[in-house]
Amino acid sequence: MRDVVEIPARCVCGNPLVAATAPRLGNGTPFPTTYYLTHPVITSAVSRLEAAGLMNEMNERLTADEPLAAAYRAAHEDYLAARAGIGERAGIGAVPEIDGISAGGMPTRVKCLHVLVGHSLAAGPGVNPLGDEAIAGIREWWTADRCYCDGAWDTAGEAPSRDLSRHGPQGLPEIVGRPAPVRKAAGSPEATP
């Protein structure tokens, strides 16, 4: 993970649960997603919820339940304020290209439970109602009061020597055996839908 500037949530043993990234990456790219789950057990458990269709159910509830929608909009505002604070502490400053844009689908829909759970773990209970709900939904596999770190990471494997993230072409050709994607501006004749 690149451009990590804070660890806003930790396991009871001290290992990172959530990493916070800078709102502008080191290569200058504005980056609205702030919170990333770093623990394999939590990440896997949240993926199970996504695969089971929880996001669809949450989206339906957001359209029908105005108090829930209002609380989710407030979570969006909290996310924006927290990201601005992280940017200030990291010396990044304002990133006007992403003003008003949070992550995970906020403020009107749910498109990534991992972001919402990361936000809830970083902000604490009561800030993001759908992130809190997802945390409650993974209690079969993970709870905040217990350490699940033993065996969670492959500590014997080799660490990557370069950035392998999907947010840039670094390392991609060698990994997937094809050239890195070329991103075109929206509306250009070469742009793919």
N, C-alpha and C. Protein backbone atom coordinates (compact mmCIF):
# COMPACT_ATOMS: atom_id res chain seq x y z
N MET A 1 0.85 -1.18 0.00
CA MET A 1 0.00 0.00 0.00
C MET A 1 0.89 1.23 0.00
N ARG A 2 0.56 2.18 -0.84
CA ARG A 2 1.41 3.37 -0.94
C ARG A 2 0.75 4.60 -0.35
N ASP A 3 1.56 5.57 -0.06
CA ASP A 3 1.12 6.86 0.47
C ASP A 3 0.33 6.74 1.76
N VAL A 4 0.64 5.73 2.56
CA VAL A 4 0.01 5.59 3.88
C VAL A 4 0.62 6.65 4.78
N VAL A 5 -0.26 7.41 5.43
CA VAL A 5 0.21 8.48 6.29
C VAL A 5 -0.20 8.30 7.76
N GLU A 6 -1.17 7.44 8.01
CA GLU A 6 -1.61 7.19 9.38
C GLU A 6 -2.16 5.78 9.50
N ILE A 7 -2.17 5.28 10.72
CA ILE A 7 -2.84 4.02 11.06
C ILE A 7 -3.93 4.38 12.06
N PRO A 8 -5.15 4.64 11.60
CA PRO A 8 -6.20 5.13 12.50
C PRO A 8 -6.92 4.07 13.33
N ALA A 9 -6.66 2.78 13.05
CA ALA A 9 -7.29 1.73 13.86
C ALA A 9 -6.32 0.55 13.95
N ARG A 10 -6.20 0.02 15.16
CA ARG A 10 -5.27 -1.09 15.40
C ARG A 10 -5.96 -2.23 16.13
N CYS A 11 -5.42 -3.41 15.92
CA CYS A 11 -5.84 -4.60 16.65
C CYS A 11 -5.49 -4.41 18.12
N VAL A 12 -6.10 -5.18 18.99
CA VAL A 12 -5.77 -5.10 20.41
C VAL A 12 -4.30 -5.41 20.67
N CYS A 13 -3.64 -6.13 19.75
CA CYS A 13 -2.22 -6.44 19.90
C CYS A 13 -1.33 -5.33 19.34
N GLY A 14 -1.91 -4.37 18.63
CA GLY A 14 -1.14 -3.26 18.08
C GLY A 14 -0.94 -3.30 16.57
N ASN A 15 -1.22 -4.42 15.92
CA ASN A 15 -1.07 -4.48 14.46
C ASN A 15 -2.12 -3.60 13.79
N PRO A 16 -1.82 -3.08 12.60
CA PRO A 16 -2.78 -2.21 11.90
C PRO A 16 -4.03 -2.95 11.44
N LEU A 17 -5.17 -2.31 11.63
CA LEU A 17 -6.44 -2.78 11.07
C LEU A 17 -6.84 -1.93 9.87
N VAL A 18 -6.53 -0.63 9.95
CA VAL A 18 -6.91 0.33 8.92
C VAL A 18 -5.72 1.24 8.65
N ALA A 19 -5.45 1.47 7.37
CA ALA A 19 -4.43 2.44 6.96
C ALA A 19 -5.15 3.62 6.33
N ALA A 20 -4.64 4.81 6.59
CA ALA A 20 -5.17 6.03 5.96
C ALA A 20 -4.15 6.51 4.94
N THR A 21 -4.64 6.78 3.73
CA THR A 21 -3.76 7.25 2.67
C THR A 21 -3.91 8.76 2.50
N ALA A 22 -2.89 9.33 1.92
CA ALA A 22 -2.90 10.77 1.65
C ALA A 22 -3.95 11.09 0.59
N PRO A 23 -4.59 12.25 0.68
CA PRO A 23 -5.60 12.61 -0.32
C PRO A 23 -5.00 12.98 -1.67
N ARG A 24 -3.72 13.14 -1.73
CA ARG A 24 -3.02 13.30 -3.01
C ARG A 24 -1.83 12.34 -2.95
N LEU A 25 -1.77 11.44 -3.92
CA LEU A 25 -0.69 10.46 -3.94
C LEU A 25 0.64 11.13 -4.27
N GLY A 26 1.71 10.43 -3.99
CA GLY A 26 3.04 10.95 -4.24
C GLY A 26 3.29 11.32 -5.69
N ASN A 27 2.54 10.68 -6.61
CA ASN A 27 2.71 11.01 -8.03
C ASN A 27 1.81 12.16 -8.46
N GLY A 28 1.10 12.79 -7.50
CA GLY A 28 0.25 13.94 -7.79
C GLY A 28 -1.21 13.62 -8.02
N THR A 29 -1.57 12.36 -8.08
CA THR A 29 -2.95 11.95 -8.34
C THR A 29 -3.85 12.26 -7.15
N PRO A 30 -4.94 13.02 -7.35
CA PRO A 30 -5.92 13.21 -6.27
C PRO A 30 -6.54 11.85 -5.94
N PHE A 31 -6.71 11.56 -4.66
CA PHE A 31 -7.14 10.22 -4.27
C PHE A 31 -8.19 10.30 -3.16
N PRO A 32 -9.47 10.14 -3.51
CA PRO A 32 -10.52 10.32 -2.50
C PRO A 32 -10.64 9.20 -1.47
N THR A 33 -10.21 7.98 -1.80
CA THR A 33 -10.34 6.88 -0.85
C THR A 33 -9.27 7.03 0.22
N THR A 34 -9.71 7.16 1.46
CA THR A 34 -8.81 7.42 2.57
C THR A 34 -8.51 6.17 3.38
N TYR A 35 -9.53 5.37 3.68
CA TYR A 35 -9.37 4.26 4.61
C TYR A 35 -9.32 2.92 3.89
N TYR A 36 -8.31 2.14 4.23
CA TYR A 36 -8.15 0.79 3.68
C TYR A 36 -8.03 -0.20 4.81
N LEU A 37 -8.77 -1.29 4.71
CA LEU A 37 -8.60 -2.39 5.65
C LEU A 37 -7.27 -3.05 5.36
N THR A 38 -6.49 -3.31 6.39
CA THR A 38 -5.18 -3.91 6.21
C THR A 38 -5.10 -5.32 6.78
N HIS A 39 -6.09 -5.72 7.53
CA HIS A 39 -6.05 -7.03 8.18
C HIS A 39 -6.75 -8.07 7.32
N PRO A 40 -6.07 -9.15 6.96
CA PRO A 40 -6.67 -10.15 6.06
C PRO A 40 -7.96 -10.77 6.59
N VAL A 41 -8.07 -10.95 7.89
CA VAL A 41 -9.28 -11.57 8.44
C VAL A 41 -10.49 -10.65 8.25
N ILE A 42 -10.33 -9.37 8.55
CA ILE A 42 -11.43 -8.42 8.38
C ILE A 42 -11.76 -8.26 6.89
N THR A 43 -10.75 -8.12 6.07
CA THR A 43 -10.96 -7.94 4.64
C THR A 43 -11.74 -9.11 4.06
N SER A 44 -11.37 -10.31 4.41
CA SER A 44 -12.06 -11.51 3.94
C SER A 44 -13.50 -11.56 4.44
N ALA A 45 -13.70 -11.24 5.72
CA ALA A 45 -15.05 -11.28 6.29
C ALA A 45 -15.96 -10.26 5.61
N VAL A 46 -15.46 -9.06 5.35
CA VAL A 46 -16.27 -8.04 4.67
C VAL A 46 -16.56 -8.48 3.23
N SER A 47 -15.62 -9.13 2.59
CA SER A 47 -15.86 -9.65 1.24
C SER A 47 -17.01 -10.66 1.23
N ARG A 48 -17.10 -11.44 2.29
CA ARG A 48 -18.23 -12.39 2.40
C ARG A 48 -19.56 -11.65 2.44
N LEU A 49 -19.61 -10.55 3.18
CA LEU A 49 -20.86 -9.77 3.24
C LEU A 49 -21.20 -9.21 1.87
N GLU A 50 -20.21 -8.69 1.17
CA GLU A 50 -20.45 -8.15 -0.18
C GLU A 50 -20.96 -9.25 -1.10
N ALA A 51 -20.33 -10.42 -1.05
CA ALA A 51 -20.73 -11.53 -1.92
C ALA A 51 -22.15 -12.02 -1.60
N ALA A 52 -22.56 -11.86 -0.36
CA ALA A 52 -23.90 -12.29 0.05
C ALA A 52 -24.98 -11.28 -0.34
N GLY A 53 -24.60 -10.14 -0.90
CA GLY A 53 -25.58 -9.17 -1.37
C GLY A 53 -25.97 -8.09 -0.38
N LEU A 54 -25.21 -7.93 0.69
CA LEU A 54 -25.58 -6.93 1.70
C LEU A 54 -25.63 -5.52 1.13
N MET A 55 -24.75 -5.19 0.19
CA MET A 55 -24.76 -3.83 -0.37
C MET A 55 -26.08 -3.53 -1.08
N ASN A 56 -26.62 -4.49 -1.80
CA ASN A 56 -27.91 -4.28 -2.47
C ASN A 56 -29.01 -4.00 -1.46
N GLU A 57 -29.01 -4.77 -0.38
CA GLU A 57 -30.03 -4.57 0.65
C GLU A 57 -29.87 -3.20 1.31
N MET A 58 -28.63 -2.81 1.57
CA MET A 58 -28.38 -1.49 2.17
C MET A 58 -28.83 -0.37 1.23
N ASN A 59 -28.56 -0.52 -0.06
CA ASN A 59 -28.99 0.49 -1.03
C ASN A 59 -30.51 0.63 -1.06
N GLU A 60 -31.22 -0.47 -0.99
CA GLU A 60 -32.69 -0.42 -0.94
C GLU A 60 -33.15 0.31 0.32
N ARG A 61 -32.52 0.02 1.44
CA ARG A 61 -32.90 0.69 2.69
C ARG A 61 -32.60 2.18 2.66
N LEU A 62 -31.49 2.56 2.01
CA LEU A 62 -31.15 3.99 1.91
C LEU A 62 -32.22 4.77 1.18
N THR A 63 -32.86 4.17 0.20
CA THR A 63 -33.90 4.89 -0.54
C THR A 63 -35.22 4.93 0.22
N ALA A 64 -35.43 4.01 1.14
CA ALA A 64 -36.71 3.93 1.84
C ALA A 64 -36.68 4.50 3.26
N ASP A 65 -35.51 4.66 3.84
CA ASP A 65 -35.40 5.03 5.25
C ASP A 65 -34.67 6.37 5.35
N GLU A 66 -35.42 7.47 5.47
CA GLU A 66 -34.82 8.80 5.49
C GLU A 66 -33.90 9.02 6.69
N PRO A 67 -34.24 8.56 7.90
CA PRO A 67 -33.28 8.74 9.00
C PRO A 67 -31.95 8.03 8.73
N LEU A 68 -32.00 6.84 8.13
CA LEU A 68 -30.77 6.14 7.78
C LEU A 68 -30.01 6.93 6.72
N ALA A 69 -30.71 7.42 5.71
CA ALA A 69 -30.07 8.20 4.65
C ALA A 69 -29.42 9.47 5.21
N ALA A 70 -30.08 10.11 6.16
CA ALA A 70 -29.53 11.32 6.78
C ALA A 70 -28.27 10.98 7.58
N ALA A 71 -28.30 9.89 8.32
CA ALA A 71 -27.12 9.48 9.09
C ALA A 71 -25.96 9.12 8.16
N TYR A 72 -26.28 8.53 7.02
CA TYR A 72 -25.25 8.16 6.04
C TYR A 72 -24.65 9.42 5.39
N ARG A 73 -25.49 10.42 5.13
CA ARG A 73 -24.98 11.70 4.61
C ARG A 73 -24.06 12.36 5.64
N ALA A 74 -24.42 12.25 6.91
CA ALA A 74 -23.56 12.79 7.97
C ALA A 74 -22.22 12.04 8.02
N ALA A 75 -22.26 10.73 7.78
CA ALA A 75 -21.02 9.94 7.73
C ALA A 75 -20.13 10.43 6.58
N HIS A 76 -20.75 10.74 5.46
CA HIS A 76 -20.03 11.30 4.30
C HIS A 76 -19.32 12.59 4.71
N GLU A 77 -20.02 13.47 5.40
CA GLU A 77 -19.42 14.73 5.84
C GLU A 77 -18.27 14.49 6.81
N ASP A 78 -18.44 13.52 7.70
CA ASP A 78 -17.37 13.17 8.64
C ASP A 78 -16.15 12.66 7.87
N TYR A 79 -16.39 11.83 6.87
CA TYR A 79 -15.30 11.29 6.05
C TYR A 79 -14.52 12.42 5.39
N LEU A 80 -15.25 13.38 4.81
CA LEU A 80 -14.59 14.51 4.15
C LEU A 80 -13.75 15.32 5.14
N ALA A 81 -14.30 15.57 6.32
CA ALA A 81 -13.56 16.33 7.33
C ALA A 81 -12.34 15.56 7.82
N ALA A 82 -12.50 14.25 8.02
CA ALA A 82 -11.36 13.43 8.47
C ALA A 82 -10.27 13.41 7.40
N ARG A 83 -10.66 13.28 6.13
CA ARG A 83 -9.67 13.27 5.06
C ARG A 83 -8.92 14.60 4.99
N ALA A 84 -9.64 15.70 5.14
CA ALA A 84 -8.99 17.01 5.14
C ALA A 84 -7.99 17.11 6.29
N GLY A 85 -8.36 16.61 7.46
CA GLY A 85 -7.45 16.62 8.60
C GLY A 85 -6.21 15.76 8.36
N ILE A 86 -6.40 14.61 7.75
CA ILE A 86 -5.28 13.73 7.42
C ILE A 86 -4.35 14.43 6.44
N GLY A 87 -4.94 15.10 5.43
CA GLY A 87 -4.14 15.83 4.46
C GLY A 87 -3.34 16.94 5.11
N GLU A 88 -3.96 17.66 6.05
CA GLU A 88 -3.23 18.73 6.75
C GLU A 88 -2.08 18.17 7.57
N ARG A 89 -2.37 17.10 8.34
CA ARG A 89 -1.32 16.51 9.18
C ARG A 89 -0.17 15.94 8.34
N ALA A 90 -0.49 15.48 7.12
CA ALA A 90 0.53 14.91 6.24
C ALA A 90 1.25 15.97 5.42
N GLY A 91 0.82 17.23 5.55
CA GLY A 91 1.44 18.30 4.80
C GLY A 91 0.99 18.40 3.35
N ILE A 92 -0.11 17.74 3.03
CA ILE A 92 -0.64 17.72 1.66
C ILE A 92 -1.46 18.98 1.38
N GLY A 93 -2.24 19.39 2.38
CA GLY A 93 -3.12 20.53 2.19
C GLY A 93 -4.37 20.16 1.42
N ALA A 94 -5.08 21.15 0.96
CA ALA A 94 -6.35 20.95 0.26
C ALA A 94 -6.12 20.27 -1.09
N VAL A 95 -7.10 19.45 -1.48
CA VAL A 95 -7.07 18.79 -2.78
C VAL A 95 -8.41 19.12 -3.45
N PRO A 96 -8.49 20.27 -4.11
CA PRO A 96 -9.78 20.73 -4.64
C PRO A 96 -10.41 19.80 -5.67
N GLU A 97 -9.62 18.99 -6.34
CA GLU A 97 -10.17 18.08 -7.35
C GLU A 97 -11.13 17.05 -6.77
N ILE A 98 -11.02 16.79 -5.47
CA ILE A 98 -11.89 15.78 -4.87
C ILE A 98 -12.81 16.38 -3.80
N ASP A 99 -12.96 17.70 -3.81
CA ASP A 99 -13.90 18.33 -2.87
C ASP A 99 -15.28 17.71 -3.02
N GLY A 100 -15.86 17.33 -1.90
CA GLY A 100 -17.22 16.78 -1.90
C GLY A 100 -17.32 15.33 -2.28
N ILE A 101 -16.21 14.70 -2.66
CA ILE A 101 -16.21 13.29 -3.06
C ILE A 101 -15.61 12.48 -1.92
N SER A 102 -16.37 11.54 -1.41
CA SER A 102 -15.81 10.68 -0.36
C SER A 102 -15.46 9.34 -1.00
N ALA A 103 -16.01 8.25 -0.51
CA ALA A 103 -15.68 6.93 -1.05
C ALA A 103 -16.75 5.94 -0.62
N GLY A 104 -16.68 4.77 -1.17
CA GLY A 104 -17.60 3.70 -0.78
C GLY A 104 -19.03 3.90 -1.25
N GLY A 105 -19.26 4.94 -2.09
CA GLY A 105 -20.61 5.24 -2.56
C GLY A 105 -21.29 6.35 -1.81
N MET A 106 -20.69 6.77 -0.69
CA MET A 106 -21.31 7.84 0.09
C MET A 106 -21.44 9.10 -0.76
N PRO A 107 -22.45 9.89 -0.61
CA PRO A 107 -23.47 9.85 0.45
C PRO A 107 -24.79 9.20 0.04
N THR A 108 -24.89 8.67 -1.18
CA THR A 108 -26.21 8.22 -1.64
C THR A 108 -26.35 6.73 -1.88
N ARG A 109 -25.25 6.01 -1.93
CA ARG A 109 -25.33 4.57 -2.19
C ARG A 109 -24.17 3.86 -1.52
N VAL A 110 -24.23 2.53 -1.55
CA VAL A 110 -23.15 1.71 -1.00
C VAL A 110 -22.52 0.96 -2.17
N LYS A 111 -21.23 1.18 -2.37
CA LYS A 111 -20.55 0.44 -3.44
C LYS A 111 -19.30 -0.29 -2.95
N CYS A 112 -18.89 -0.06 -1.70
CA CYS A 112 -17.74 -0.78 -1.15
C CYS A 112 -17.84 -0.83 0.37
N LEU A 113 -18.17 -2.01 0.87
CA LEU A 113 -18.27 -2.17 2.33
C LEU A 113 -16.91 -2.06 3.01
N HIS A 114 -15.84 -2.41 2.30
CA HIS A 114 -14.51 -2.31 2.90
C HIS A 114 -14.21 -0.87 3.33
N VAL A 115 -14.56 0.09 2.49
CA VAL A 115 -14.34 1.50 2.82
C VAL A 115 -15.19 1.90 4.03
N LEU A 116 -16.44 1.46 4.04
CA LEU A 116 -17.33 1.84 5.14
C LEU A 116 -16.87 1.24 6.47
N VAL A 117 -16.40 -0.01 6.43
CA VAL A 117 -15.89 -0.63 7.66
C VAL A 117 -14.60 0.07 8.09
N GLY A 118 -13.73 0.40 7.14
CA GLY A 118 -12.52 1.14 7.47
C GLY A 118 -12.85 2.47 8.13
N HIS A 119 -13.85 3.16 7.57
CA HIS A 119 -14.27 4.44 8.15
C HIS A 119 -14.80 4.24 9.57
N SER A 120 -15.65 3.23 9.75
CA SER A 120 -16.20 2.98 11.09
C SER A 120 -15.12 2.63 12.10
N LEU A 121 -14.16 1.81 11.70
CA LEU A 121 -13.09 1.46 12.63
C LEU A 121 -12.23 2.67 12.96
N ALA A 122 -11.99 3.53 11.97
CA ALA A 122 -11.17 4.72 12.20
C ALA A 122 -11.91 5.76 13.03
N ALA A 123 -13.19 5.98 12.74
CA ALA A 123 -13.97 7.04 13.40
C ALA A 123 -14.57 6.60 14.72
N GLY A 124 -14.79 5.31 14.88
CA GLY A 124 -15.43 4.79 16.08
C GLY A 124 -16.92 4.59 15.85
N PRO A 125 -17.55 3.85 16.74
CA PRO A 125 -18.98 3.53 16.58
C PRO A 125 -19.85 4.78 16.58
N GLY A 126 -20.94 4.71 15.82
CA GLY A 126 -21.93 5.78 15.81
C GLY A 126 -21.72 6.84 14.75
N VAL A 127 -20.65 6.75 13.96
CA VAL A 127 -20.39 7.75 12.93
C VAL A 127 -20.93 7.30 11.58
N ASN A 128 -20.64 6.07 11.19
CA ASN A 128 -21.09 5.55 9.90
C ASN A 128 -22.03 4.37 10.17
N PRO A 129 -23.33 4.58 10.04
CA PRO A 129 -24.27 3.53 10.43
C PRO A 129 -24.13 2.25 9.61
N LEU A 130 -23.82 2.37 8.34
CA LEU A 130 -23.71 1.16 7.51
C LEU A 130 -22.37 0.48 7.72
N GLY A 131 -21.34 1.23 8.01
CA GLY A 131 -20.07 0.62 8.39
C GLY A 131 -20.21 -0.12 9.71
N ASP A 132 -20.90 0.50 10.67
CA ASP A 132 -21.15 -0.16 11.96
C ASP A 132 -21.96 -1.44 11.77
N GLU A 133 -22.95 -1.38 10.89
CA GLU A 133 -23.78 -2.57 10.62
C GLU A 133 -22.94 -3.69 10.01
N ALA A 134 -22.04 -3.32 9.10
CA ALA A 134 -21.18 -4.33 8.49
C ALA A 134 -20.23 -4.94 9.54
N ILE A 135 -19.71 -4.12 10.44
CA ILE A 135 -18.86 -4.65 11.52
C ILE A 135 -19.65 -5.65 12.36
N ALA A 136 -20.89 -5.31 12.67
CA ALA A 136 -21.73 -6.26 13.41
C ALA A 136 -21.95 -7.54 12.60
N GLY A 137 -22.03 -7.40 11.29
CA GLY A 137 -22.26 -8.54 10.41
C GLY A 137 -21.08 -9.48 10.27
N ILE A 138 -19.88 -9.04 10.63
CA ILE A 138 -18.71 -9.92 10.53
C ILE A 138 -18.32 -10.53 11.87
N ARG A 139 -19.13 -10.33 12.90
CA ARG A 139 -18.73 -10.78 14.24
C ARG A 139 -18.53 -12.30 14.33
N GLU A 140 -19.08 -13.04 13.38
CA GLU A 140 -18.84 -14.48 13.32
C GLU A 140 -17.35 -14.78 13.04
N TRP A 141 -16.69 -13.85 12.32
CA TRP A 141 -15.30 -14.05 11.90
C TRP A 141 -14.31 -13.12 12.58
N TRP A 142 -14.78 -11.95 13.04
CA TRP A 142 -13.88 -10.97 13.64
C TRP A 142 -14.64 -10.10 14.63
N THR A 143 -14.00 -9.81 15.78
CA THR A 143 -14.53 -8.86 16.75
C THR A 143 -13.37 -8.00 17.24
N ALA A 144 -13.67 -6.78 17.62
CA ALA A 144 -12.63 -5.82 17.99
C ALA A 144 -11.92 -6.17 19.30
N ASP A 145 -12.53 -6.99 20.12
CA ASP A 145 -11.97 -7.27 21.43
C ASP A 145 -10.99 -8.45 21.46
N ARG A 146 -10.72 -9.03 20.31
CA ARG A 146 -9.85 -10.21 20.26
C ARG A 146 -8.83 -10.06 19.13
N CYS A 147 -7.64 -10.62 19.31
CA CYS A 147 -6.61 -10.61 18.28
C CYS A 147 -6.77 -11.82 17.36
N TYR A 148 -6.77 -11.55 16.07
CA TYR A 148 -6.86 -12.59 15.04
C TYR A 148 -5.60 -12.58 14.17
N CYS A 149 -4.53 -12.06 14.68
CA CYS A 149 -3.33 -11.85 13.87
C CYS A 149 -2.49 -13.10 13.65
N ASP A 150 -2.49 -14.02 14.59
CA ASP A 150 -1.64 -15.19 14.46
C ASP A 150 -2.01 -15.95 13.19
N GLY A 151 -1.08 -16.02 12.27
CA GLY A 151 -1.31 -16.72 11.01
C GLY A 151 -2.05 -15.94 9.94
N ALA A 152 -2.42 -14.69 10.24
CA ALA A 152 -3.20 -13.91 9.27
C ALA A 152 -2.37 -13.45 8.09
N TRP A 153 -1.07 -13.23 8.30
CA TRP A 153 -0.19 -12.76 7.23
C TRP A 153 0.85 -13.81 6.91
N ASP A 154 1.27 -13.85 5.66
CA ASP A 154 2.38 -14.70 5.26
C ASP A 154 3.65 -13.92 5.54
N THR A 155 4.24 -14.17 6.68
CA THR A 155 5.43 -13.43 7.06
C THR A 155 6.70 -14.04 6.49
N ALA A 156 6.59 -15.22 5.89
CA ALA A 156 7.77 -15.87 5.31
C ALA A 156 7.96 -15.48 3.85
N GLY A 157 6.92 -14.94 3.22
CA GLY A 157 7.00 -14.57 1.81
C GLY A 157 7.85 -13.34 1.59
N GLU A 158 8.25 -13.16 0.33
CA GLU A 158 9.07 -12.01 -0.03
C GLU A 158 8.20 -10.78 -0.16
N ALA A 159 8.64 -9.66 0.38
CA ALA A 159 7.91 -8.40 0.26
C ALA A 159 8.09 -7.84 -1.15
N PRO A 160 7.06 -7.20 -1.71
CA PRO A 160 7.21 -6.62 -3.04
C PRO A 160 8.31 -5.56 -3.05
N SER A 161 9.04 -5.51 -4.14
CA SER A 161 10.12 -4.54 -4.26
C SER A 161 9.67 -3.27 -4.96
N ARG A 162 8.41 -3.24 -5.40
CA ARG A 162 7.87 -2.06 -6.08
C ARG A 162 6.37 -1.99 -5.84
N ASP A 163 5.79 -0.87 -6.18
CA ASP A 163 4.36 -0.64 -6.01
C ASP A 163 3.59 -1.54 -6.97
N LEU A 164 2.74 -2.39 -6.45
CA LEU A 164 1.95 -3.30 -7.27
C LEU A 164 0.47 -2.97 -7.23
N SER A 165 0.14 -1.77 -6.79
CA SER A 165 -1.27 -1.40 -6.65
C SER A 165 -1.94 -1.29 -8.01
N ARG A 166 -3.26 -1.35 -8.00
CA ARG A 166 -4.03 -1.25 -9.23
C ARG A 166 -4.25 0.19 -9.66
N HIS A 167 -3.70 1.15 -8.94
CA HIS A 167 -3.91 2.55 -9.25
C HIS A 167 -2.83 3.13 -10.14
N GLY A 168 -2.10 2.29 -10.78
CA GLY A 168 -1.08 2.73 -11.71
C GLY A 168 -0.47 1.53 -12.39
N PRO A 169 0.29 1.71 -13.44
CA PRO A 169 0.81 0.58 -14.21
C PRO A 169 2.04 -0.08 -13.61
N GLN A 170 2.51 0.36 -12.44
CA GLN A 170 3.73 -0.16 -11.86
C GLN A 170 3.66 -1.68 -11.71
N GLY A 171 4.57 -2.38 -12.38
CA GLY A 171 4.67 -3.83 -12.22
C GLY A 171 3.63 -4.61 -12.98
N LEU A 172 2.63 -3.98 -13.55
CA LEU A 172 1.52 -4.69 -14.16
C LEU A 172 1.93 -5.58 -15.33
N PRO A 173 2.71 -5.11 -16.30
CA PRO A 173 3.02 -5.97 -17.44
C PRO A 173 3.66 -7.29 -17.05
N GLU A 174 4.58 -7.25 -16.11
CA GLU A 174 5.26 -8.47 -15.69
C GLU A 174 4.32 -9.43 -14.95
N ILE A 175 3.32 -8.88 -14.28
CA ILE A 175 2.44 -9.71 -13.47
C ILE A 175 1.36 -10.37 -14.32
N VAL A 176 0.73 -9.61 -15.19
CA VAL A 176 -0.40 -10.14 -15.94
C VAL A 176 -0.05 -10.53 -17.37
N GLY A 177 1.18 -10.23 -17.81
CA GLY A 177 1.61 -10.65 -19.13
C GLY A 177 1.01 -9.84 -20.27
N ARG A 178 0.59 -8.64 -20.01
CA ARG A 178 0.07 -7.76 -21.07
C ARG A 178 0.44 -6.33 -20.72
N PRO A 179 0.42 -5.43 -21.69
CA PRO A 179 0.80 -4.04 -21.42
C PRO A 179 -0.13 -3.39 -20.40
N ALA A 180 0.42 -2.39 -19.74
CA ALA A 180 -0.38 -1.61 -18.80
C ALA A 180 -1.50 -0.91 -19.54
N PRO A 181 -2.66 -0.74 -18.91
CA PRO A 181 -3.76 -0.04 -19.57
C PRO A 181 -3.43 1.42 -19.81
N VAL A 182 -3.92 1.94 -20.90
CA VAL A 182 -3.76 3.34 -21.22
C VAL A 182 -5.09 4.01 -20.93
N ARG A 183 -5.07 4.95 -20.00
CA ARG A 183 -6.30 5.63 -19.63
C ARG A 183 -6.51 6.82 -20.55
N LYS A 184 -7.68 6.90 -21.12
CA LYS A 184 -8.04 8.00 -22.02
C LYS A 184 -8.99 8.94 -21.31
N ALA A 185 -8.96 10.17 -21.69
CA ALA A 185 -9.89 11.14 -21.12
C ALA A 185 -11.30 10.81 -21.56
N ALA A 186 -12.27 11.01 -20.69
CA ALA A 186 -13.67 10.77 -21.02
C ALA A 186 -14.05 11.63 -22.22
N GLY A 187 -14.74 11.02 -23.15
CA GLY A 187 -15.22 11.76 -24.33
C GLY A 187 -14.24 11.74 -25.47
N SER A 188 -13.01 11.22 -25.25
CA SER A 188 -12.07 11.15 -26.36
C SER A 188 -12.48 10.00 -27.28
N PRO A 189 -12.16 10.07 -28.56
CA PRO A 189 -12.57 9.01 -29.49
C PRO A 189 -12.03 7.64 -29.10
N GLU A 190 -10.88 7.61 -28.42
CA GLU A 190 -10.29 6.33 -28.04
C GLU A 190 -10.86 5.78 -26.74
N ALA A 191 -11.62 6.58 -26.03
CA ALA A 191 -12.14 6.15 -24.72
C ALA A 191 -13.09 4.98 -24.89
N THR A 192 -12.94 4.01 -24.00
CA THR A 192 -13.85 2.87 -24.02
C THR A 192 -14.93 3.08 -22.99
N PRO A 193 -16.15 2.66 -23.26
CA PRO A 193 -17.24 2.90 -22.31
C PRO A 193 -17.08 2.13 -21.04
